[in-house]
N, C-alpha and C. Protein backbone atom coordinates (compact mmCIF):
# COMPACT_ATOMS: atom_id res chain seq x y z
N UNK A 1 119.35 115.41 117.98
CA UNK A 1 118.39 115.55 117.03
C UNK A 1 117.95 113.97 117.15
N UNK A 2 116.62 113.68 117.04
CA UNK A 2 116.04 112.44 116.73
C UNK A 2 116.23 111.87 115.57
N UNK A 3 116.60 110.64 115.40
CA UNK A 3 116.49 109.87 114.00
C UNK A 3 115.41 109.18 113.98
N UNK A 4 115.00 109.46 112.45
CA UNK A 4 113.75 108.62 112.19
C UNK A 4 114.18 107.95 110.78
N UNK A 5 113.82 106.67 110.62
CA UNK A 5 114.18 105.80 109.64
C UNK A 5 112.71 105.01 108.93
N UNK A 6 112.59 105.27 107.72
CA UNK A 6 111.50 104.63 106.81
C UNK A 6 112.18 103.54 106.13
N UNK A 7 111.61 102.30 106.73
CA UNK A 7 112.01 100.98 106.14
C UNK A 7 110.73 100.34 105.51
N UNK A 8 110.89 99.69 104.20
CA UNK A 8 109.97 99.00 103.58
C UNK A 8 110.28 97.57 104.02
N UNK A 9 109.70 97.12 104.98
CA UNK A 9 109.55 95.92 105.80
C UNK A 9 109.09 94.69 104.77
N UNK A 10 109.86 93.92 104.14
CA UNK A 10 109.51 92.73 103.42
C UNK A 10 108.52 91.73 104.13
N UNK A 11 107.82 91.25 103.44
CA UNK A 11 106.79 89.97 103.91
C UNK A 11 107.90 89.05 104.63
N UNK A 12 107.29 88.46 105.61
CA UNK A 12 108.09 87.31 106.53
C UNK A 12 109.12 88.04 107.41
N UNK A 13 109.25 89.21 107.65
CA UNK A 13 110.22 89.78 108.59
C UNK A 13 109.52 90.26 109.94
N UNK A 14 109.92 89.72 110.87
CA UNK A 14 109.36 90.35 112.06
C UNK A 14 109.71 91.72 112.54
N UNK A 15 108.69 92.44 113.29
CA UNK A 15 108.81 93.93 113.32
C UNK A 15 109.72 93.92 114.80
N UNK A 16 111.07 93.34 114.79
CA UNK A 16 111.72 93.29 115.85
C UNK A 16 113.20 92.92 115.51
N UNK A 17 114.22 93.34 116.38
CA UNK A 17 115.62 93.02 115.88
C UNK A 17 116.10 91.77 116.15
N UNK A 18 115.50 91.03 117.05
CA UNK A 18 115.83 89.65 117.60
C UNK A 18 114.60 88.68 117.42
N UNK A 19 115.00 87.43 117.26
CA UNK A 19 113.88 86.50 117.59
C UNK A 19 114.25 85.54 118.41
N UNK A 20 114.04 85.69 119.74
CA UNK A 20 114.18 84.81 120.68
C UNK A 20 113.18 84.01 121.12
N UNK A 21 113.68 82.72 121.44
CA UNK A 21 112.56 81.64 121.85
C UNK A 21 112.13 81.10 120.64
N UNK A 22 112.43 81.20 119.38
CA UNK A 22 112.08 80.53 118.27
C UNK A 22 112.93 79.25 117.90
N UNK A 23 112.28 77.96 117.80
CA UNK A 23 113.29 76.91 117.31
C UNK A 23 114.15 77.12 115.95
N UNK A 24 113.49 77.94 115.25
CA UNK A 24 114.08 78.09 113.68
C UNK A 24 114.34 79.75 113.68
N UNK A 25 115.19 79.92 113.24
CA UNK A 25 115.49 81.49 113.08
C UNK A 25 114.64 82.05 111.76
N UNK A 26 114.12 83.31 112.23
CA UNK A 26 113.24 83.79 111.17
C UNK A 26 113.91 85.38 111.26
N UNK A 27 113.57 85.79 109.89
CA UNK A 27 114.03 87.27 109.32
C UNK A 27 113.57 88.22 110.48
N UNK A 28 114.62 89.03 110.71
CA UNK A 28 114.13 90.45 111.53
C UNK A 28 114.40 91.56 110.95
N UNK A 29 114.42 92.57 111.88
CA UNK A 29 114.65 93.78 111.48
C UNK A 29 116.14 94.13 110.96
N UNK A 30 116.99 93.28 112.05
CA UNK A 30 118.52 93.33 112.11
C UNK A 30 118.93 92.63 110.76
N UNK A 31 118.31 91.92 109.88
CA UNK A 31 118.85 91.59 108.39
C UNK A 31 118.60 92.69 107.60
N UNK A 32 118.10 94.02 107.84
CA UNK A 32 117.72 94.85 106.72
C UNK A 32 118.44 96.51 107.40
N UNK A 33 118.53 96.63 108.80
CA UNK A 33 118.88 97.99 109.23
C UNK A 33 119.79 97.66 110.26
N UNK A 34 120.97 98.15 109.93
CA UNK A 34 122.27 98.22 110.93
C UNK A 34 122.58 99.42 111.52
N UNK A 35 121.50 99.99 112.23
CA UNK A 35 121.53 101.33 112.68
C UNK A 35 121.47 101.09 114.45
N UNK A 36 122.40 101.32 114.98
CA UNK A 36 122.28 101.19 116.74
C UNK A 36 121.06 102.08 117.16
N UNK A 37 120.52 101.66 118.29
CA UNK A 37 119.56 102.58 119.21
C UNK A 37 118.57 102.93 118.42
N UNK A 38 117.85 102.47 117.15
CA UNK A 38 116.63 102.67 116.93
C UNK A 38 115.61 101.58 117.06
N UNK A 39 114.40 101.97 117.22
CA UNK A 39 113.32 100.70 117.81
C UNK A 39 112.08 101.21 117.01
N UNK A 40 111.35 100.08 116.57
CA UNK A 40 110.06 100.28 115.70
C UNK A 40 109.09 101.07 116.56
N UNK A 41 108.48 102.28 115.73
CA UNK A 41 107.29 102.76 116.22
C UNK A 41 106.09 102.27 115.76
N UNK A 42 105.57 101.09 116.64
CA UNK A 42 104.53 100.53 116.02
C UNK A 42 105.02 99.01 115.33
N UNK A 43 104.24 98.19 114.81
CA UNK A 43 104.37 97.05 114.45
C UNK A 43 103.73 96.97 113.07
N UNK A 44 104.40 95.65 112.45
CA UNK A 44 103.68 95.22 111.25
C UNK A 44 103.61 93.68 111.33
N UNK A 45 102.42 93.26 111.09
CA UNK A 45 102.77 91.65 111.31
C UNK A 45 103.74 91.03 110.39
N UNK A 46 104.06 89.98 110.48
CA UNK A 46 105.14 89.03 109.60
C UNK A 46 104.68 88.82 108.17
N UNK A 47 103.37 88.75 108.23
CA UNK A 47 102.81 88.54 106.76
C UNK A 47 102.16 89.88 106.33
N UNK A 48 102.46 90.76 106.82
CA UNK A 48 102.49 92.27 106.06
C UNK A 48 103.54 92.91 105.48
N UNK A 49 103.38 93.67 104.83
CA UNK A 49 104.56 94.41 104.12
C UNK A 49 104.54 95.92 104.10
N UNK A 50 105.52 96.68 103.97
CA UNK A 50 105.38 98.19 103.98
C UNK A 50 106.10 98.96 105.06
N UNK A 51 105.48 100.12 105.30
CA UNK A 51 106.41 101.13 105.77
C UNK A 51 106.33 100.81 107.28
N UNK A 52 107.44 100.58 107.88
CA UNK A 52 107.78 100.55 109.29
C UNK A 52 108.75 101.73 109.63
N UNK A 53 108.35 102.59 110.55
CA UNK A 53 109.08 103.70 111.11
C UNK A 53 110.01 103.19 112.33
N UNK A 54 111.27 103.68 112.12
CA UNK A 54 112.30 103.44 113.47
C UNK A 54 112.88 104.62 113.84
N UNK A 55 113.03 104.68 115.36
CA UNK A 55 113.56 105.86 115.74
C UNK A 55 114.00 105.56 116.97
N UNK A 56 115.12 106.80 117.57
CA UNK A 56 115.86 106.48 118.77
C UNK A 56 115.24 107.54 119.62
N UNK A 57 113.92 107.98 119.41
CA UNK A 57 113.33 108.95 120.30
C UNK A 57 112.14 108.39 121.14
N UNK A 58 112.08 108.18 122.19
CA UNK A 58 110.89 107.78 122.87
C UNK A 58 109.59 108.62 122.65
N UNK A 59 109.76 109.88 122.75
CA UNK A 59 108.52 110.61 122.80
C UNK A 59 108.14 110.65 120.97
N UNK A 60 108.98 110.62 120.28
CA UNK A 60 108.44 110.48 118.77
C UNK A 60 107.62 109.06 118.80
N UNK A 61 108.43 108.30 119.15
CA UNK A 61 107.90 106.76 118.99
C UNK A 61 106.47 106.71 119.48
N UNK A 62 106.29 107.16 120.68
CA UNK A 62 104.90 107.28 121.20
C UNK A 62 103.97 108.03 120.54
N UNK A 63 104.41 109.33 120.05
CA UNK A 63 103.32 109.90 119.09
C UNK A 63 103.09 109.36 117.80
N UNK A 64 103.95 108.49 117.15
CA UNK A 64 103.57 107.70 116.14
C UNK A 64 102.67 106.48 116.32
N UNK A 65 103.23 105.70 117.47
CA UNK A 65 102.71 104.54 117.64
C UNK A 65 101.32 104.77 118.51
N UNK A 66 101.05 105.56 119.63
CA UNK A 66 99.86 105.50 120.35
C UNK A 66 98.75 106.06 119.59
N UNK A 67 97.45 105.25 119.57
CA UNK A 67 96.11 105.43 118.93
C UNK A 67 95.84 106.64 119.44
N UNK A 68 95.71 107.40 120.71
CA UNK A 68 95.20 108.75 121.05
C UNK A 68 95.63 109.75 120.24
N UNK A 69 96.88 109.64 119.67
CA UNK A 69 97.26 110.57 118.39
C UNK A 69 96.65 110.42 117.22
N UNK A 70 96.01 109.47 116.81
CA UNK A 70 95.20 109.42 115.87
C UNK A 70 95.85 109.69 114.65
N UNK A 71 97.04 109.14 114.50
CA UNK A 71 98.05 109.24 113.41
C UNK A 71 97.35 108.43 111.86
N UNK A 72 97.21 109.11 110.96
CA UNK A 72 96.42 108.33 109.95
C UNK A 72 97.44 107.15 109.38
N UNK A 73 97.00 106.01 109.16
CA UNK A 73 97.88 105.00 108.51
C UNK A 73 97.14 104.42 107.30
N UNK A 74 97.72 104.55 106.05
CA UNK A 74 97.09 103.94 104.97
C UNK A 74 97.69 102.79 104.32
N UNK A 75 96.81 101.83 103.91
CA UNK A 75 97.11 100.78 103.61
C UNK A 75 96.52 100.24 102.28
N UNK A 76 97.43 99.47 101.30
CA UNK A 76 96.99 99.12 100.26
C UNK A 76 96.60 97.61 100.63
N UNK A 77 95.35 97.17 100.17
CA UNK A 77 94.83 95.61 100.59
C UNK A 77 94.18 95.06 99.37
N UNK A 78 94.78 93.92 99.23
CA UNK A 78 94.19 93.04 98.19
C UNK A 78 93.43 92.03 98.79
N UNK A 79 91.89 92.13 98.48
CA UNK A 79 90.93 91.19 99.10
C UNK A 79 90.48 90.26 98.02
N UNK A 80 89.91 89.41 98.71
CA UNK A 80 89.19 88.01 97.93
C UNK A 80 87.80 88.43 98.02
N UNK A 81 87.33 88.64 96.52
CA UNK A 81 86.00 89.00 96.43
C UNK A 81 85.87 90.26 95.80
N UNK A 82 84.60 90.68 95.40
CA UNK A 82 84.62 92.05 94.76
C UNK A 82 83.62 92.76 96.01
N UNK A 83 84.15 94.05 96.21
CA UNK A 83 83.66 95.07 97.32
C UNK A 83 82.39 95.47 96.83
N UNK A 84 81.23 95.63 97.39
CA UNK A 84 80.07 96.04 96.73
C UNK A 84 79.97 97.19 97.81
N UNK A 85 78.95 98.15 97.56
CA UNK A 85 78.89 99.42 98.47
C UNK A 85 78.26 99.18 99.79
N UNK A 86 77.49 98.04 100.24
CA UNK A 86 77.33 97.65 101.58
C UNK A 86 78.89 97.45 102.24
N UNK A 87 79.71 96.58 101.79
CA UNK A 87 81.14 96.42 102.49
C UNK A 87 81.96 97.56 102.46
N UNK A 88 81.70 98.34 101.65
CA UNK A 88 82.75 99.67 101.62
C UNK A 88 81.99 100.66 102.70
N UNK A 89 80.60 100.84 102.74
CA UNK A 89 80.09 101.61 103.75
C UNK A 89 80.38 101.13 105.14
N UNK A 90 80.29 99.60 105.21
CA UNK A 90 80.54 99.06 106.46
C UNK A 90 81.97 99.84 107.03
N UNK A 91 82.86 99.39 106.39
CA UNK A 91 84.18 99.86 106.65
C UNK A 91 84.24 101.62 106.88
N UNK A 92 83.44 102.00 106.13
CA UNK A 92 83.63 103.68 106.44
C UNK A 92 82.87 104.23 107.69
N UNK A 93 81.86 103.30 107.97
CA UNK A 93 81.20 103.61 109.40
C UNK A 93 81.83 102.87 110.68
N UNK A 94 82.69 102.14 110.27
CA UNK A 94 83.36 101.38 111.43
C UNK A 94 82.55 99.96 111.55
N UNK A 95 83.40 99.18 111.86
CA UNK A 95 82.83 97.79 112.10
C UNK A 95 83.17 97.03 113.59
N UNK A 96 82.18 96.18 113.91
CA UNK A 96 82.32 95.75 115.19
C UNK A 96 83.24 94.69 115.27
N UNK A 97 84.58 94.58 116.04
CA UNK A 97 85.07 93.37 115.86
C UNK A 97 85.07 92.47 117.38
N UNK A 98 85.44 91.57 117.51
CA UNK A 98 85.51 90.87 119.19
C UNK A 98 86.17 91.99 120.00
N UNK A 99 87.09 92.77 119.87
CA UNK A 99 87.45 93.73 120.69
C UNK A 99 86.85 94.99 120.97
N UNK A 100 85.78 95.15 120.37
CA UNK A 100 84.73 96.39 120.27
C UNK A 100 84.83 97.22 118.75
N UNK A 101 83.79 98.11 118.60
CA UNK A 101 83.81 98.75 117.14
C UNK A 101 85.14 99.47 116.98
N UNK A 102 85.15 99.59 115.64
CA UNK A 102 86.44 100.14 115.07
C UNK A 102 86.17 101.67 114.78
N UNK A 103 86.99 102.71 114.85
CA UNK A 103 86.93 103.78 114.31
C UNK A 103 86.18 104.03 112.79
N UNK A 104 85.70 104.89 112.42
CA UNK A 104 85.41 104.75 111.05
C UNK A 104 86.79 105.19 110.00
N UNK A 105 86.74 104.33 108.90
CA UNK A 105 87.91 104.18 108.13
C UNK A 105 87.49 104.99 106.81
N UNK A 106 88.70 105.51 106.15
CA UNK A 106 88.35 106.05 104.93
C UNK A 106 88.72 104.79 103.80
N UNK A 107 88.00 104.72 102.86
CA UNK A 107 88.17 103.29 102.13
C UNK A 107 87.77 103.66 100.65
N UNK A 108 88.59 103.24 99.46
CA UNK A 108 88.23 103.60 98.33
C UNK A 108 88.90 102.30 97.40
N UNK A 109 87.96 101.90 96.45
CA UNK A 109 88.33 100.76 95.40
C UNK A 109 89.26 101.20 94.63
N UNK A 110 90.08 100.61 94.58
CA UNK A 110 91.44 101.22 93.66
C UNK A 110 91.73 100.17 92.50
N UNK A 111 92.58 100.73 91.44
CA UNK A 111 93.10 99.66 90.52
C UNK A 111 94.17 99.16 91.21
N UNK A 112 94.66 97.80 90.76
CA UNK A 112 96.08 97.15 91.28
C UNK A 112 97.08 98.08 91.18
N UNK A 113 97.70 98.45 92.17
CA UNK A 113 98.89 99.35 92.43
C UNK A 113 100.10 98.58 91.77
N UNK A 114 101.08 99.49 91.17
CA UNK A 114 102.20 98.91 90.68
C UNK A 114 103.17 98.79 91.81
N UNK A 115 103.20 97.52 92.37
CA UNK A 115 103.89 97.07 93.58
C UNK A 115 104.95 96.11 93.05
N UNK A 116 106.00 95.66 94.00
CA UNK A 116 106.97 94.69 93.67
C UNK A 116 106.31 93.40 93.93
N UNK A 117 106.76 92.49 93.27
CA UNK A 117 106.61 90.88 93.42
C UNK A 117 106.80 90.74 94.91
N UNK A 118 105.76 89.77 95.28
CA UNK A 118 105.96 89.38 96.68
C UNK A 118 106.33 87.68 96.70
N UNK A 119 107.39 87.31 97.63
CA UNK A 119 107.82 86.23 97.76
C UNK A 119 107.31 85.50 99.23
N UNK A 120 106.58 84.64 99.13
CA UNK A 120 105.79 83.81 98.08
C UNK A 120 104.66 84.58 97.62
N UNK A 121 104.44 84.41 96.22
CA UNK A 121 103.25 85.09 95.69
C UNK A 121 101.97 84.94 96.23
N UNK A 122 101.12 85.75 96.05
CA UNK A 122 99.67 85.74 96.64
C UNK A 122 99.12 84.66 95.87
N UNK A 123 98.14 83.81 96.55
CA UNK A 123 97.57 82.64 95.82
C UNK A 123 96.54 83.27 94.89
N UNK A 124 96.26 82.37 93.77
CA UNK A 124 95.45 83.11 92.77
C UNK A 124 94.65 81.73 92.59
N UNK A 125 93.29 82.36 92.42
CA UNK A 125 92.06 81.21 92.29
C UNK A 125 91.06 81.81 91.17
N UNK A 126 90.98 81.02 89.95
CA UNK A 126 90.20 81.38 88.78
C UNK A 126 88.87 81.87 89.21
N UNK A 127 88.26 80.97 90.16
CA UNK A 127 87.09 81.12 90.58
C UNK A 127 86.72 82.27 91.36
N UNK A 128 87.45 82.79 91.96
CA UNK A 128 87.37 84.06 92.94
C UNK A 128 88.00 85.06 92.64
N UNK A 129 87.43 86.16 92.34
CA UNK A 129 88.02 87.29 91.88
C UNK A 129 88.70 88.04 93.41
N UNK A 130 89.77 89.01 92.79
CA UNK A 130 90.20 89.61 93.87
C UNK A 130 90.47 91.19 93.31
N UNK A 131 90.31 92.01 94.41
CA UNK A 131 90.38 93.39 94.17
C UNK A 131 91.38 94.14 95.18
N UNK A 132 91.53 95.45 94.86
CA UNK A 132 92.20 96.13 95.83
C UNK A 132 91.48 97.42 96.45
N UNK A 133 91.99 97.75 97.79
CA UNK A 133 91.23 98.99 98.32
C UNK A 133 92.54 99.57 98.92
N UNK A 134 92.27 100.78 98.99
CA UNK A 134 92.96 102.00 99.87
C UNK A 134 92.32 102.22 101.15
N UNK A 135 92.92 101.69 102.28
CA UNK A 135 92.18 101.98 103.42
C UNK A 135 92.88 102.77 104.46
N UNK A 136 92.32 103.78 104.97
CA UNK A 136 93.08 104.31 106.04
C UNK A 136 92.38 104.59 107.32
N UNK A 137 92.92 104.10 108.48
CA UNK A 137 92.52 104.14 109.82
C UNK A 137 93.63 105.11 110.50
N UNK A 138 92.83 105.31 111.76
CA UNK A 138 93.57 106.13 112.82
C UNK A 138 93.64 105.56 114.13
N UNK A 139 93.79 104.35 114.16
CA UNK A 139 94.12 103.58 115.33
C UNK A 139 94.80 102.44 115.06
N UNK A 140 95.37 101.14 115.71
CA UNK A 140 96.48 100.23 115.32
C UNK A 140 95.87 99.33 116.38
N UNK A 141 94.92 98.39 116.11
CA UNK A 141 94.79 97.18 117.07
C UNK A 141 95.47 95.83 116.12
N UNK A 142 95.81 94.98 116.95
CA UNK A 142 96.36 93.71 116.44
C UNK A 142 95.42 93.38 115.24
N UNK A 143 96.21 93.33 114.04
CA UNK A 143 95.96 92.85 112.82
C UNK A 143 94.36 93.06 112.64
N UNK A 144 94.39 94.71 112.76
CA UNK A 144 93.06 95.25 112.54
C UNK A 144 92.64 95.57 111.14
N UNK A 145 93.26 95.70 110.05
CA UNK A 145 92.50 95.99 108.70
C UNK A 145 92.39 94.49 108.37
N UNK A 146 93.18 93.42 108.66
CA UNK A 146 92.61 91.87 107.97
C UNK A 146 91.34 91.71 108.61
N UNK A 147 91.26 91.94 109.92
CA UNK A 147 90.26 91.53 110.75
C UNK A 147 88.62 92.50 110.25
N UNK A 148 89.11 94.01 109.96
CA UNK A 148 88.02 94.84 109.30
C UNK A 148 87.35 94.09 108.02
N UNK A 149 88.59 93.68 106.82
CA UNK A 149 88.02 93.51 105.71
C UNK A 149 87.19 92.19 105.87
N UNK A 150 87.70 91.25 106.71
CA UNK A 150 87.01 89.75 107.02
C UNK A 150 85.59 90.22 107.48
N UNK A 151 85.12 91.23 108.40
CA UNK A 151 84.23 91.46 109.12
C UNK A 151 83.20 91.78 108.07
N UNK A 152 83.39 92.32 106.97
CA UNK A 152 82.60 92.58 105.59
C UNK A 152 82.75 91.84 104.72
N UNK A 153 83.27 90.55 104.78
CA UNK A 153 83.08 89.48 103.85
C UNK A 153 84.34 89.52 102.87
N UNK A 154 85.30 90.29 102.92
CA UNK A 154 86.60 90.43 102.08
C UNK A 154 87.84 90.08 102.75
N UNK A 155 88.13 88.95 102.84
CA UNK A 155 89.31 88.53 103.44
C UNK A 155 90.46 88.94 102.51
N UNK A 156 91.55 89.46 103.54
CA UNK A 156 92.81 90.10 102.86
C UNK A 156 93.82 89.16 102.32
N UNK A 157 94.06 89.29 101.12
CA UNK A 157 95.14 88.49 100.77
C UNK A 157 96.54 88.98 100.79
N UNK A 158 96.61 90.44 100.66
CA UNK A 158 98.08 90.80 100.55
C UNK A 158 97.68 92.18 101.38
N UNK A 159 98.47 92.90 102.32
CA UNK A 159 98.46 93.74 103.04
C UNK A 159 99.94 95.10 102.99
N UNK A 160 99.92 95.90 102.47
CA UNK A 160 100.82 96.72 101.98
C UNK A 160 100.57 98.06 102.79
N UNK A 161 101.47 98.46 103.89
CA UNK A 161 101.08 99.77 104.36
C UNK A 161 101.86 100.97 103.68
N UNK A 162 101.43 101.71 103.22
CA UNK A 162 101.83 102.63 102.37
C UNK A 162 102.08 103.96 102.97
N UNK A 163 101.45 104.61 103.96
CA UNK A 163 101.77 105.93 104.36
C UNK A 163 101.42 105.84 106.15
N UNK A 164 102.24 106.64 106.90
CA UNK A 164 101.84 106.79 108.13
C UNK A 164 102.13 108.24 108.21
N UNK A 165 101.13 108.89 108.49
CA UNK A 165 101.26 110.47 108.81
C UNK A 165 101.63 110.96 107.16
N UNK A 166 102.80 111.75 107.52
CA UNK A 166 103.18 112.53 106.20
C UNK A 166 104.22 111.62 105.77
N UNK A 167 104.65 110.43 106.41
CA UNK A 167 105.72 109.50 105.45
C UNK A 167 105.13 108.52 104.49
N UNK A 168 105.95 108.26 103.79
CA UNK A 168 105.26 107.35 102.52
C UNK A 168 106.34 106.23 102.17
N UNK A 169 105.72 105.33 101.85
CA UNK A 169 106.96 104.13 101.33
C UNK A 169 107.53 104.71 99.81
N UNK A 170 107.23 105.91 99.31
CA UNK A 170 107.46 105.93 97.86
C UNK A 170 108.92 105.91 97.66
N UNK A 171 109.24 105.26 96.80
CA UNK A 171 110.86 104.96 96.37
C UNK A 171 111.56 103.92 97.19
N UNK A 172 110.88 103.35 97.94
CA UNK A 172 111.59 102.32 98.70
C UNK A 172 111.34 100.93 98.24
N UNK A 173 112.40 100.20 97.90
CA UNK A 173 112.19 98.77 97.55
C UNK A 173 112.10 97.94 98.93
N UNK A 174 111.66 96.98 98.85
CA UNK A 174 111.45 95.64 99.83
C UNK A 174 112.89 95.82 100.43
N UNK A 175 112.81 95.85 101.90
CA UNK A 175 114.17 95.71 102.53
C UNK A 175 115.20 96.75 102.61
N UNK A 176 114.67 98.08 101.85
CA UNK A 176 115.53 99.23 101.67
C UNK A 176 114.89 100.25 102.82
N UNK A 177 115.96 101.11 103.13
CA UNK A 177 115.49 102.24 104.12
C UNK A 177 116.09 103.28 103.72
N UNK A 178 115.65 104.48 104.45
CA UNK A 178 116.13 106.06 104.45
C UNK A 178 115.92 106.63 105.70
N UNK A 179 116.97 107.28 105.82
CA UNK A 179 116.83 108.37 107.04
C UNK A 179 116.16 109.81 106.37
N UNK A 180 115.26 110.18 107.57
CA UNK A 180 114.62 111.39 107.03
C UNK A 180 114.92 112.30 108.31
N UNK A 181 114.49 113.78 108.10
CA UNK A 181 114.86 114.73 109.30
C UNK A 181 113.32 114.86 109.93
N UNK A 182 113.40 114.93 111.18
CA UNK A 182 112.22 114.95 112.13
C UNK A 182 112.11 116.56 112.19
C-alpha cells in the first residue's frame, strides 16, 4: 500500500532531503521527516510555506505533481497593495508570463487567515497596505503564483499552500506531518 505524508513545510526549508553543493548547510525535509523511501510529489520554494505531499509511490507522485492531471492547488497569498477588480479579473482569466499564458485561476480577496507566525516575519510598511487572497491554480510552473500576482501589480509577501486536491494543511503546525490513507 502506498504511503502518503502531509507535511507543513516551514519557511526556509528546501523541498528535498539533502542540500548537496551548498557551502552552508540549509534546512531540508530530513530535518522534519524521518521516514525512509518517501519523496516530494511536487515542490515548494524555500521562501514558501505550507502543504507538501510526500509519497513512496511513483504513480501517485506523478498524479499529484504532473500538470496534465490538473489537480487543484489552493494558496493563501499575502500581497503588497490593494487588489482591485481589474487585478482579480486578470488572475481569473489567466495572465501572460515570460513562459506563456497561465490557465485561469480561481481567486478571491479574503480576510487575513489565522496562521502561525513566520520566522522571519513579513516586512511591514506603514505606507503600503497588504491584503490576502485565496488563489487556486491547476498547473505548477516555477514560482507561478508569485509571478502571477506580480504580473497584475500585486507582489507576493507571503505564500502558504493550503490545499492540494482533497488534502489540506488543516491542523498541522509548521514542521509537523501526518500520514493519511490513499
